[in-house]
């Protein structure tokens, strides 16, 4: 046999053998494909029960810690909820309102750049006669009604006596 014929025959045999091997390996599930290092073995710690050997009932300190966490969360929620608004828009709005109020009252002719008008000195009248009324609001005396009633009763008694 010639060399070329023997080589052709070997190639055909190898090709037929490789086709039959791939067909059987794709249809057979028992054949394991191997990659260079194999796979990662399953760790024994992944199969272990968590906290094995430790008590599962709550310990004495856990209740205190959970109550402390809850109280801290409530306090933090209220503290952040009632925190003052310190944004620049809020400050500018109150400053503009204070300037407009002072101009409307006639205490300010023209606002000066760089002067803050929303201060306690401009909000409150510290020179007021009555320290319990720093805004100098009109006193709505409910006591006047009582005095009027007493005066009417006295007048009626005087009329009855006559």
Protein backbone atom coordinates (compact mmCIF):
# COMPACT_ATOMS: atom_id res chain seq x y z
CA UNK A 1 0.00 0.00 0.00
CA UNK A 2 1.17 3.36 -0.73
CA UNK A 3 2.01 5.92 1.86
CA UNK A 4 -0.68 8.31 0.70
CA UNK A 5 -3.35 5.64 0.85
CA UNK A 6 -2.36 4.58 4.36
CA UNK A 7 -2.44 8.19 5.56
CA UNK A 8 -5.86 8.73 4.00
CA UNK A 9 -7.12 5.55 5.62
CA UNK A 10 -5.82 6.62 9.06
CA UNK A 11 -7.45 10.06 8.75
CA UNK A 12 -10.77 8.46 7.84
CA UNK A 13 -10.58 6.08 10.78
CA UNK A 14 -9.70 8.89 13.17
CA UNK A 15 -12.49 11.11 11.84
CA UNK A 16 -15.01 8.29 12.18
CA UNK A 17 -13.78 7.50 15.69
CA UNK A 18 -13.96 11.14 16.79
CA UNK A 19 -17.49 11.47 15.35
CA UNK A 20 -18.63 8.37 17.21
CA UNK A 21 -17.00 9.62 20.44
CA UNK A 22 -18.62 13.02 20.26
CA UNK A 23 -21.98 11.48 19.52
CA UNK A 24 -21.74 9.17 22.50
CA UNK A 25 -20.36 11.85 24.79
CA UNK A 26 -23.19 14.28 23.98
CA UNK A 27 -25.86 11.63 24.44
CA UNK A 28 -24.33 9.97 27.50
CA UNK A 29 -24.76 11.85 30.76
CA UNK A 30 -22.28 9.76 32.74
CA UNK A 31 -19.28 11.14 30.89
CA UNK A 32 -17.73 13.98 32.84
CA UNK A 33 -16.04 16.79 31.00
CA UNK A 34 -12.84 17.75 32.64
CA UNK A 35 -11.39 21.23 32.73
CA UNK A 36 -7.85 22.04 33.66
CA UNK A 37 -8.17 22.23 37.44
CA UNK A 38 -11.46 20.54 38.04
CA UNK A 39 -14.19 22.33 39.97
CA UNK A 40 -14.21 23.97 43.37
CA UNK A 41 -15.05 21.41 46.02
CA UNK A 42 -18.06 22.14 48.21
CA UNK A 43 -16.88 23.66 51.44
CA UNK A 44 -17.78 21.81 54.62
CA UNK A 45 -18.61 25.11 56.28
CA UNK A 46 -21.43 25.60 53.80
CA UNK A 47 -23.04 22.39 55.02
CA UNK A 48 -22.64 23.21 58.73
CA UNK A 49 -25.55 24.38 60.87
CA UNK A 50 -25.18 27.97 61.99
CA UNK A 51 -24.32 28.56 65.65
CA UNK A 52 -24.11 24.86 66.29
CA UNK A 53 -23.51 24.21 69.97
CA UNK A 54 -24.58 27.69 71.09
CA UNK A 55 -27.84 28.36 72.93
CA UNK A 56 -30.67 29.52 70.71
CA UNK A 57 -32.85 31.06 73.43
CA UNK A 58 -32.40 34.81 74.00
CA UNK A 59 -29.84 35.83 76.56
CA UNK A 60 -30.39 38.49 79.20
CA UNK A 61 -28.45 41.28 77.48
CA UNK A 62 -30.21 40.94 74.12
CA UNK A 63 -33.49 42.49 75.31
CA UNK A 64 -31.64 45.53 76.67
CA UNK A 65 -29.73 45.98 73.42
CA UNK A 66 -32.88 45.71 71.29
CA UNK A 67 -34.70 48.25 73.49
CA UNK A 68 -31.71 50.59 73.23
CA UNK A 69 -31.70 50.27 69.44
CA UNK A 70 -35.44 51.00 69.27
CA UNK A 71 -35.20 54.01 71.61
CA UNK A 72 -32.24 55.38 69.64
CA UNK A 73 -34.15 55.03 66.39
CA UNK A 74 -37.17 56.87 67.82
CA UNK A 75 -35.04 59.67 69.29
CA UNK A 76 -33.11 60.04 66.03
CA UNK A 77 -36.35 60.14 64.02
CA UNK A 78 -37.81 62.89 66.22
CA UNK A 79 -34.54 64.84 66.30
CA UNK A 80 -34.26 64.86 62.52
CA UNK A 81 -37.98 65.48 62.06
CA UNK A 82 -38.06 68.55 64.30
CA UNK A 83 -34.68 69.95 63.26
CA UNK A 84 -34.85 73.55 62.07
CA UNK A 85 -34.85 74.24 58.37
CA UNK A 86 -31.47 75.80 57.65
CA UNK A 87 -31.66 75.98 53.88
CA UNK A 88 -30.65 79.16 52.10
CA UNK A 89 -34.12 79.52 50.58
CA UNK A 90 -35.77 79.55 54.00
CA UNK A 91 -33.33 82.15 55.32
CA UNK A 92 -33.74 84.36 52.24
CA UNK A 93 -37.53 84.13 52.45
CA UNK A 94 -37.62 85.16 56.11
CA UNK A 95 -35.11 87.95 55.48
CA UNK A 96 -37.19 89.32 52.59
CA UNK A 97 -40.35 89.10 54.69
CA UNK A 98 -38.65 90.99 57.54
CA UNK A 99 -37.53 93.74 55.15
CA UNK A 100 -41.02 94.08 53.68
CA UNK A 101 -42.56 94.21 57.15
CA UNK A 102 -40.12 96.89 58.33
CA UNK A 103 -40.77 98.94 55.18
CA UNK A 104 -44.54 98.62 55.65
CA UNK A 105 -44.23 99.81 59.27
CA UNK A 106 -42.12 102.77 58.17
CA UNK A 107 -39.05 101.71 60.17
CA UNK A 108 -36.93 101.13 57.05
CA UNK A 109 -36.64 103.45 54.07
CA UNK A 110 -34.22 101.56 51.88
CA UNK A 111 -32.63 98.16 52.66
CA UNK A 112 -28.84 98.22 52.93
CA UNK A 113 -26.83 95.42 51.34
CA UNK A 114 -25.15 93.18 53.93
CA UNK A 115 -27.41 94.14 56.85
CA UNK A 116 -29.58 91.42 58.36
CA UNK A 117 -33.06 92.63 59.22
CA UNK A 118 -34.48 89.34 60.49
CA UNK A 119 -32.97 89.71 63.98
CA UNK A 120 -34.58 89.65 67.43
CA UNK A 121 -34.01 93.41 67.77
CA UNK A 122 -36.20 94.01 64.73
CA UNK A 123 -38.76 91.33 65.57
CA UNK A 124 -39.41 92.26 69.20
CA UNK A 125 -39.84 95.57 70.91
CA UNK A 126 -37.57 95.30 73.93
CA UNK A 127 -38.51 98.82 75.00
CA UNK A 128 -42.17 97.88 75.46
CA UNK A 129 -44.05 99.07 78.52
CA UNK A 130 -45.46 95.64 79.29
CA UNK A 131 -42.74 92.92 79.23
CA UNK A 132 -45.41 90.24 78.87
CA UNK A 133 -46.45 91.81 75.56
CA UNK A 134 -43.24 92.27 73.50
CA UNK A 135 -45.19 92.69 70.26
CA UNK A 136 -47.32 95.54 71.68
CA UNK A 137 -50.45 93.80 70.58
CA UNK A 138 -53.82 95.14 71.58
CA UNK A 139 -54.85 93.63 74.85
CA UNK A 140 -58.06 91.69 74.37
CA UNK A 141 -59.36 91.95 77.90
CA UNK A 142 -61.76 89.20 78.71
CA UNK A 143 -61.75 90.60 82.23
CA UNK A 144 -63.60 93.69 80.95
CA UNK A 145 -66.63 91.53 80.29
CA UNK A 146 -66.56 90.32 83.89
CA UNK A 147 -66.23 93.90 85.15
CA UNK A 148 -69.21 94.98 83.05
CA UNK A 149 -71.29 92.14 84.45
CA UNK A 150 -70.37 93.12 88.01
CA UNK A 151 -71.26 96.76 87.36
CA UNK A 152 -74.65 95.77 85.93
CA UNK A 153 -75.35 93.60 88.96
CA UNK A 154 -74.46 96.47 91.31
CA UNK A 155 -76.75 98.84 89.40
CA UNK A 156 -79.59 96.34 89.59
CA UNK A 157 -79.08 95.94 93.33
CA UNK A 158 -79.14 99.73 93.79
CA UNK A 159 -82.37 99.97 91.81
CA UNK A 160 -83.93 97.23 93.89
CA UNK A 161 -82.91 99.00 97.10
CA UNK A 162 -84.59 102.24 96.03
